PDB file of all heavy atoms in Angstrom:
ATOM      1  N   ARG A   1    -108.304-139.966 149.581  1.00  0.00           N
ATOM      2  CA  ARG A   1    -106.967-140.547 149.509  1.00  0.00           C
ATOM      3  C   ARG A   1    -107.031-141.932 148.863  1.00  0.00           C
ATOM      4  O   ARG A   1    -107.803-142.785 149.282  1.00  0.00           O
ATOM      5  CB  ARG A   1    -106.385-140.655 150.918  1.00  0.00           C
ATOM      6  CG  ARG A   1    -105.036-141.366 150.983  1.00  0.00           C
ATOM      7  CD  ARG A   1    -104.637-141.617 152.427  1.00  0.00           C
ATOM      8  NE  ARG A   1    -104.397-140.358 153.122  1.00  0.00           N
ATOM      9  CZ  ARG A   1    -103.202-139.787 153.228  1.00  0.00           C
ATOM     10  NH1 ARG A   1    -102.159-140.334 152.646  1.00  0.00           N
ATOM     11  NH2 ARG A   1    -103.057-138.670 153.900  1.00  0.00           N
ATOM     12  N   THR A   2    -106.231-142.126 147.829  1.00  0.00           N
ATOM     13  CA  THR A   2    -106.221-143.418 147.154  1.00  0.00           C
ATOM     14  C   THR A   2    -104.819-143.989 147.027  1.00  0.00           C
ATOM     15  O   THR A   2    -104.656-145.143 146.674  1.00  0.00           O
ATOM     16  CB  THR A   2    -106.818-143.291 145.740  1.00  0.00           C
ATOM     17  OG1 THR A   2    -106.049-142.333 144.994  1.00  0.00           O
ATOM     18  CG2 THR A   2    -108.266-142.840 145.794  1.00  0.00           C
ATOM     19  N   GLY A   3    -103.806-143.191 147.295  1.00  0.00           N
ATOM     20  CA  GLY A   3    -102.436-143.627 147.097  1.00  0.00           C
ATOM     21  C   GLY A   3    -101.787-144.135 148.368  1.00  0.00           C
ATOM     22  O   GLY A   3    -102.426-144.267 149.414  1.00  0.00           O
ATOM     23  N   PRO A   4    -100.491-144.410 148.303  1.00  0.00           N
ATOM     24  CA  PRO A   4     -99.765-144.965 149.446  1.00  0.00           C
ATOM     25  C   PRO A   4     -99.575-143.933 150.547  1.00  0.00           C
ATOM     26  O   PRO A   4     -99.527-142.727 150.306  1.00  0.00           O
ATOM     27  CB  PRO A   4     -98.431-145.373 148.833  1.00  0.00           C
ATOM     28  CG  PRO A   4     -98.245-144.427 147.688  1.00  0.00           C
ATOM     29  CD  PRO A   4     -99.623-144.212 147.135  1.00  0.00           C
ATOM     30  N   SER A   5     -99.451-144.413 151.769  1.00  0.00           N
ATOM     31  CA  SER A   5     -99.185-143.527 152.904  1.00  0.00           C
ATOM     32  C   SER A   5     -97.702-143.499 153.248  1.00  0.00           C
ATOM     33  O   SER A   5     -97.264-142.659 154.022  1.00  0.00           O
ATOM     34  CB  SER A   5     -99.984-143.978 154.129  1.00  0.00           C
ATOM     35  OG  SER A   5     -99.651-145.319 154.482  1.00  0.00           O
ATOM     36  N   SER A   6     -96.938-144.415 152.660  1.00  0.00           N
ATOM     37  CA  SER A   6     -95.496-144.491 152.901  1.00  0.00           C
ATOM     38  C   SER A   6     -94.783-144.775 151.590  1.00  0.00           C
ATOM     39  O   SER A   6     -95.304-145.500 150.733  1.00  0.00           O
ATOM     40  CB  SER A   6     -95.185-145.589 153.916  1.00  0.00           C
ATOM     41  OG  SER A   6     -93.800-145.896 153.934  1.00  0.00           O
ATOM     42  N   ILE A   7     -93.578-144.226 151.438  1.00  0.00           N
ATOM     43  CA  ILE A   7     -92.817-144.472 150.213  1.00  0.00           C
ATOM     44  C   ILE A   7     -92.448-145.943 150.092  1.00  0.00           C
ATOM     45  O   ILE A   7     -92.250-146.470 148.982  1.00  0.00           O
ATOM     46  CB  ILE A   7     -91.540-143.589 150.161  1.00  0.00           C
ATOM     47  CG1 ILE A   7     -90.906-143.630 148.760  1.00  0.00           C
ATOM     48  CG2 ILE A   7     -90.550-144.001 151.228  1.00  0.00           C
ATOM     49  CD1 ILE A   7     -91.781-143.084 147.670  1.00  0.00           C
ATOM     50  N   ASP A   8     -92.393-146.657 151.210  1.00  0.00           N
ATOM     51  CA  ASP A   8     -92.043-148.075 151.169  1.00  0.00           C
ATOM     52  C   ASP A   8     -93.128-148.926 150.520  1.00  0.00           C
ATOM     53  O   ASP A   8     -92.879-150.086 150.168  1.00  0.00           O
ATOM     54  CB  ASP A   8     -91.763-148.584 152.579  1.00  0.00           C
ATOM     55  CG  ASP A   8     -90.502-147.967 153.174  1.00  0.00           C
ATOM     56  OD1 ASP A   8     -89.578-147.666 152.394  1.00  0.00           O
ATOM     57  OD2 ASP A   8     -90.457-147.758 154.396  1.00  0.00           O
ATOM     58  N   GLU A   9     -94.326-148.354 150.360  1.00  0.00           N
ATOM     59  CA  GLU A   9     -95.406-149.064 149.682  1.00  0.00           C
ATOM     60  C   GLU A   9     -95.305-148.932 148.162  1.00  0.00           C
ATOM     61  O   GLU A   9     -96.075-149.556 147.434  1.00  0.00           O
ATOM     62  CB  GLU A   9     -96.759-148.529 150.154  1.00  0.00           C
ATOM     63  CG  GLU A   9     -97.017-148.699 151.644  1.00  0.00           C
ATOM     64  CD  GLU A   9     -98.305-148.022 152.068  1.00  0.00           C
ATOM     65  OE1 GLU A   9     -99.228-147.909 151.223  1.00  0.00           O
ATOM     66  OE2 GLU A   9     -98.397-147.598 153.228  1.00  0.00           O
ATOM     67  N   VAL A  10     -94.375-148.121 147.700  1.00  0.00           N
ATOM     68  CA  VAL A  10     -94.209-147.844 146.275  1.00  0.00           C
ATOM     69  C   VAL A  10     -93.053-148.670 145.736  1.00  0.00           C
ATOM     70  O   VAL A  10     -91.981-148.740 146.353  1.00  0.00           O
ATOM     71  CB  VAL A  10     -93.942-146.336 146.042  1.00  0.00           C
ATOM     72  CG1 VAL A  10     -93.779-146.040 144.559  1.00  0.00           C
ATOM     73  CG2 VAL A  10     -95.060-145.489 146.649  1.00  0.00           C
ATOM     74  N   ASP A  11     -93.232-149.292 144.582  1.00  0.00           N
ATOM     75  CA  ASP A  11     -92.159-150.078 143.978  1.00  0.00           C
ATOM     76  C   ASP A  11     -90.933-149.204 143.726  1.00  0.00           C
ATOM     77  O   ASP A  11     -91.049-148.070 143.240  1.00  0.00           O
ATOM     78  CB  ASP A  11     -92.618-150.684 142.650  1.00  0.00           C
ATOM     79  CG  ASP A  11     -93.632-151.796 142.837  1.00  0.00           C
ATOM     80  OD1 ASP A  11     -93.730-152.327 143.952  1.00  0.00           O
ATOM     81  OD2 ASP A  11     -94.337-152.113 141.857  1.00  0.00           O
ATOM     82  N   LEU A  12     -89.767-149.742 144.050  1.00  0.00           N
ATOM     83  CA  LEU A  12     -88.516-149.035 143.776  1.00  0.00           C
ATOM     84  C   LEU A  12     -88.182-149.186 142.294  1.00  0.00           C
ATOM     85  O   LEU A  12     -88.077-150.304 141.783  1.00  0.00           O
ATOM     86  CB  LEU A  12     -87.389-149.607 144.622  1.00  0.00           C
ATOM     87  CG  LEU A  12     -86.058-148.843 144.540  1.00  0.00           C
ATOM     88  CD1 LEU A  12     -86.093-147.633 145.466  1.00  0.00           C
ATOM     89  CD2 LEU A  12     -84.888-149.749 144.917  1.00  0.00           C
ATOM     90  N   ILE A  13     -88.026-148.063 141.590  1.00  0.00           N
ATOM     91  CA  ILE A  13     -87.668-148.103 140.173  1.00  0.00           C
ATOM     92  C   ILE A  13     -86.156-148.241 140.064  1.00  0.00           C
ATOM     93  O   ILE A  13     -85.414-147.407 140.586  1.00  0.00           O
ATOM     94  CB  ILE A  13     -88.131-146.828 139.440  1.00  0.00           C
ATOM     95  CG1 ILE A  13     -89.632-146.627 139.607  1.00  0.00           C
ATOM     96  CG2 ILE A  13     -87.761-146.906 137.963  1.00  0.00           C
ATOM     97  CD1 ILE A  13     -90.140-145.320 139.023  1.00  0.00           C
ATOM     98  N   PRO A  14     -85.653-149.268 139.402  1.00  0.00           N
ATOM     99  CA  PRO A  14     -84.199-149.434 139.281  1.00  0.00           C
ATOM    100  C   PRO A  14     -83.565-148.259 138.534  1.00  0.00           C
ATOM    101  O   PRO A  14     -84.140-147.728 137.576  1.00  0.00           O
ATOM    102  CB  PRO A  14     -84.042-150.733 138.484  1.00  0.00           C
ATOM    103  CG  PRO A  14     -85.351-151.444 138.631  1.00  0.00           C
ATOM    104  CD  PRO A  14     -86.386-150.371 138.756  1.00  0.00           C
ATOM    105  N   ARG A  15     -82.391-147.856 138.974  1.00  0.00           N
ATOM    106  CA  ARG A  15     -81.691-146.767 138.284  1.00  0.00           C
ATOM    107  C   ARG A  15     -81.453-147.092 136.819  1.00  0.00           C
ATOM    108  O   ARG A  15     -81.477-146.205 135.959  1.00  0.00           O
ATOM    109  CB  ARG A  15     -80.361-146.459 138.980  1.00  0.00           C
ATOM    110  CG  ARG A  15     -80.488-145.726 140.296  1.00  0.00           C
ATOM    111  CD  ARG A  15     -79.123-145.275 140.813  1.00  0.00           C
ATOM    112  NE  ARG A  15     -78.230-146.404 141.043  1.00  0.00           N
ATOM    113  CZ  ARG A  15     -78.118-147.059 142.191  1.00  0.00           C
ATOM    114  NH1 ARG A  15     -78.871-146.720 143.225  1.00  0.00           N
ATOM    115  NH2 ARG A  15     -77.262-148.053 142.324  1.00  0.00           N
ATOM    116  N   GLN A  16     -81.207-148.362 136.521  1.00  0.00           N
ATOM    117  CA  GLN A  16     -80.951-148.758 135.141  1.00  0.00           C
ATOM    118  C   GLN A  16     -82.113-148.392 134.238  1.00  0.00           C
ATOM    119  O   GLN A  16     -81.918-147.970 133.090  1.00  0.00           O
ATOM    120  CB  GLN A  16     -80.683-150.259 135.077  1.00  0.00           C
ATOM    121  CG  GLN A  16     -80.428-150.805 133.676  1.00  0.00           C
ATOM    122  CD  GLN A  16     -79.119-150.322 133.073  1.00  0.00           C
ATOM    123  OE1 GLN A  16     -78.108-150.230 133.769  1.00  0.00           O
ATOM    124  NE2 GLN A  16     -79.112-150.019 131.780  1.00  0.00           N
ATOM    125  N   ALA A  17     -83.343-148.532 134.714  1.00  0.00           N
ATOM    126  CA  ALA A  17     -84.519-148.214 133.904  1.00  0.00           C
ATOM    127  C   ALA A  17     -84.628-146.723 133.633  1.00  0.00           C
ATOM    128  O   ALA A  17     -85.166-146.307 132.604  1.00  0.00           O
ATOM    129  CB  ALA A  17     -85.778-148.721 134.601  1.00  0.00           C
ATOM    130  N   LEU A  18     -84.102-145.918 134.551  1.00  0.00           N
ATOM    131  CA  LEU A  18     -84.197-144.463 134.424  1.00  0.00           C
ATOM    132  C   LEU A  18     -83.022-143.856 133.668  1.00  0.00           C
ATOM    133  O   LEU A  18     -83.195-142.923 132.876  1.00  0.00           O
ATOM    134  CB  LEU A  18     -84.277-143.827 135.812  1.00  0.00           C
ATOM    135  CG  LEU A  18     -85.554-144.102 136.614  1.00  0.00           C
ATOM    136  CD1 LEU A  18     -85.320-143.843 138.098  1.00  0.00           C
ATOM    137  CD2 LEU A  18     -86.697-143.235 136.090  1.00  0.00           C
ATOM    138  N   PHE A  19     -81.812-144.370 133.912  1.00  0.00           N
ATOM    139  CA  PHE A  19     -80.605-143.718 133.402  1.00  0.00           C
ATOM    140  C   PHE A  19     -79.792-144.566 132.431  1.00  0.00           C
ATOM    141  O   PHE A  19     -78.792-144.086 131.902  1.00  0.00           O
ATOM    142  CB  PHE A  19     -79.714-143.300 134.574  1.00  0.00           C
ATOM    143  CG  PHE A  19     -80.358-142.312 135.496  1.00  0.00           C
ATOM    144  CD1 PHE A  19     -80.752-142.686 136.772  1.00  0.00           C
ATOM    145  CD2 PHE A  19     -80.594-141.012 135.085  1.00  0.00           C
ATOM    146  CE1 PHE A  19     -81.352-141.782 137.621  1.00  0.00           C
ATOM    147  CE2 PHE A  19     -81.192-140.096 135.928  1.00  0.00           C
ATOM    148  CZ  PHE A  19     -81.579-140.479 137.204  1.00  0.00           C
ATOM    149  N   GLY A  20     -80.213-145.809 132.214  1.00  0.00           N
ATOM    150  CA  GLY A  20     -79.534-146.601 131.198  1.00  0.00           C
ATOM    151  C   GLY A  20     -79.890-146.100 129.814  1.00  0.00           C
ATOM    152  O   GLY A  20     -80.693-145.175 129.637  1.00  0.00           O
ATOM    153  N   ASN A  21     -79.283-146.687 128.806  1.00  0.00           N
ATOM    154  CA  ASN A  21     -79.599-146.289 127.434  1.00  0.00           C
ATOM    155  C   ASN A  21     -81.097-146.411 127.169  1.00  0.00           C
ATOM    156  O   ASN A  21     -81.728-147.380 127.596  1.00  0.00           O
ATOM    157  CB  ASN A  21     -78.864-147.195 126.442  1.00  0.00           C
ATOM    158  CG  ASN A  21     -77.429-146.778 126.233  1.00  0.00           C
ATOM    159  OD1 ASN A  21     -77.109-145.599 126.201  1.00  0.00           O
ATOM    160  ND2 ASN A  21     -76.542-147.758 126.084  1.00  0.00           N
ATOM    161  N   PRO A  22     -81.675-145.465 126.428  1.00  0.00           N
ATOM    162  CA  PRO A  22     -83.041-145.680 125.958  1.00  0.00           C
ATOM    163  C   PRO A  22     -83.063-146.847 124.984  1.00  0.00           C
ATOM    164  O   PRO A  22     -82.055-147.135 124.329  1.00  0.00           O
ATOM    165  CB  PRO A  22     -83.388-144.365 125.260  1.00  0.00           C
ATOM    166  CG  PRO A  22     -82.064-143.818 124.824  1.00  0.00           C
ATOM    167  CD  PRO A  22     -81.088-144.227 125.901  1.00  0.00           C
ATOM    168  N   GLU A  23     -84.207-147.523 124.894  1.00  0.00           N
ATOM    169  CA  GLU A  23     -84.288-148.620 123.931  1.00  0.00           C
ATOM    170  C   GLU A  23     -84.229-148.082 122.512  1.00  0.00           C
ATOM    171  O   GLU A  23     -83.562-148.633 121.647  1.00  0.00           O
ATOM    172  CB  GLU A  23     -85.569-149.419 124.144  1.00  0.00           C
ATOM    173  CG  GLU A  23     -85.653-150.641 123.251  1.00  0.00           C
ATOM    174  CD  GLU A  23     -86.756-151.589 123.661  1.00  0.00           C
ATOM    175  OE1 GLU A  23     -86.663-152.156 124.772  1.00  0.00           O
ATOM    176  OE2 GLU A  23     -87.708-151.765 122.871  1.00  0.00           O
ATOM    177  N   ARG A  24     -84.927-146.994 122.274  1.00  0.00           N
ATOM    178  CA  ARG A  24     -84.846-146.265 120.999  1.00  0.00           C
ATOM    179  C   ARG A  24     -85.144-144.800 121.275  1.00  0.00           C
ATOM    180  O   ARG A  24     -85.941-144.483 122.153  1.00  0.00           O
ATOM    181  CB  ARG A  24     -85.834-146.812 119.958  1.00  0.00           C
ATOM    182  CG  ARG A  24     -85.539-148.228 119.491  1.00  0.00           C
ATOM    183  CD  ARG A  24     -86.586-148.696 118.498  1.00  0.00           C
ATOM    184  NE  ARG A  24     -86.347-150.047 118.026  1.00  0.00           N
ATOM    185  CZ  ARG A  24     -86.794-151.145 118.636  1.00  0.00           C
ATOM    186  NH1 ARG A  24     -87.495-151.035 119.762  1.00  0.00           N
ATOM    187  NH2 ARG A  24     -86.544-152.348 118.148  1.00  0.00           N
ATOM    188  N   ALA A  25     -84.527-143.916 120.511  1.00  0.00           N
ATOM    189  CA  ALA A  25     -84.734-142.485 120.699  1.00  0.00           C
ATOM    190  C   ALA A  25     -84.450-141.763 119.391  1.00  0.00           C
ATOM    191  O   ALA A  25     -83.879-142.326 118.457  1.00  0.00           O
ATOM    192  CB  ALA A  25     -83.822-141.953 121.810  1.00  0.00           C
ATOM    193  N   ASN A  26     -84.862-140.501 119.336  1.00  0.00           N
ATOM    194  CA  ASN A  26     -84.579-139.631 118.194  1.00  0.00           C
ATOM    195  C   ASN A  26     -85.001-140.294 116.881  1.00  0.00           C
ATOM    196  O   ASN A  26     -84.216-140.426 115.937  1.00  0.00           O
ATOM    197  CB  ASN A  26     -83.097-139.265 118.164  1.00  0.00           C
ATOM    198  CG  ASN A  26     -82.791-138.103 117.231  1.00  0.00           C
ATOM    199  OD1 ASN A  26     -83.700-137.529 116.613  1.00  0.00           O
ATOM    200  ND2 ASN A  26     -81.521-137.763 117.113  1.00  0.00           N
ATOM    201  N   VAL A  27     -86.257-140.704 116.820  1.00  0.00           N
ATOM    202  CA  VAL A  27     -86.773-141.375 115.625  1.00  0.00           C
ATOM    203  C   VAL A  27     -87.043-140.343 114.532  1.00  0.00           C
ATOM    204  O   VAL A  27     -87.636-139.296 114.785  1.00  0.00           O
ATOM    205  CB  VAL A  27     -88.053-142.160 115.960  1.00  0.00           C
ATOM    206  CG1 VAL A  27     -88.580-142.884 114.718  1.00  0.00           C
ATOM    207  CG2 VAL A  27     -87.780-143.163 117.084  1.00  0.00           C
ATOM    208  N   GLN A  28     -86.597-140.636 113.312  1.00  0.00           N
ATOM    209  CA  GLN A  28     -86.785-139.734 112.182  1.00  0.00           C
ATOM    210  C   GLN A  28     -87.194-140.525 110.948  1.00  0.00           C
ATOM    211  O   GLN A  28     -87.056-141.753 110.912  1.00  0.00           O
ATOM    212  CB  GLN A  28     -85.488-138.962 111.891  1.00  0.00           C
ATOM    213  CG  GLN A  28     -84.990-138.099 113.034  1.00  0.00           C
ATOM    214  CD  GLN A  28     -83.716-137.344 112.671  1.00  0.00           C
ATOM    215  OE1 GLN A  28     -83.515-136.942 111.524  1.00  0.00           O
ATOM    216  NE2 GLN A  28     -82.848-137.153 113.657  1.00  0.00           N
ATOM    217  N   ILE A  29     -87.666-139.805 109.950  1.00  0.00           N
ATOM    218  CA  ILE A  29     -87.927-140.397 108.638  1.00  0.00           C
ATOM    219  C   ILE A  29     -87.124-139.616 107.610  1.00  0.00           C
ATOM    220  O   ILE A  29     -86.972-138.393 107.726  1.00  0.00           O
ATOM    221  CB  ILE A  29     -89.436-140.389 108.294  1.00  0.00           C
ATOM    222  CG1 ILE A  29     -89.701-141.238 107.050  1.00  0.00           C
ATOM    223  CG2 ILE A  29     -89.989-138.981 108.158  1.00  0.00           C
ATOM    224  CD1 ILE A  29     -91.170-141.569 106.838  1.00  0.00           C
ATOM    225  N   SER A  30     -86.552-140.304 106.633  1.00  0.00           N
ATOM    226  CA  SER A  30     -85.744-139.621 105.622  1.00  0.00           C
ATOM    227  C   SER A  30     -86.634-138.715 104.776  1.00  0.00           C
ATOM    228  O   SER A  30     -87.835-138.961 104.629  1.00  0.00           O
ATOM    229  CB  SER A  30     -85.019-140.636 104.740  1.00  0.00           C
ATOM    230  OG  SER A  30     -85.942-141.480 104.066  1.00  0.00           O
ATOM    231  N   PRO A  31     -86.075-137.649 104.210  1.00  0.00           N
ATOM    232  CA  PRO A  31     -86.889-136.721 103.427  1.00  0.00           C
ATOM    233  C   PRO A  31     -87.658-137.374 102.292  1.00  0.00           C
ATOM    234  O   PRO A  31     -88.771-136.936 101.956  1.00  0.00           O
ATOM    235  CB  PRO A  31     -85.862-135.713 102.896  1.00  0.00           C
ATOM    236  CG  PRO A  31     -84.758-135.744 103.895  1.00  0.00           C
ATOM    237  CD  PRO A  31     -84.685-137.167 104.357  1.00  0.00           C
TER     238      PRO A  31
END
């Protein structure tokens, strides 16, 4: 065992980081 024994030991990830706009997405190069 190397991880936490309780969820409270884990950093809470803000909803904004998960569901806010991506910083960049759908990257393409022109033909």
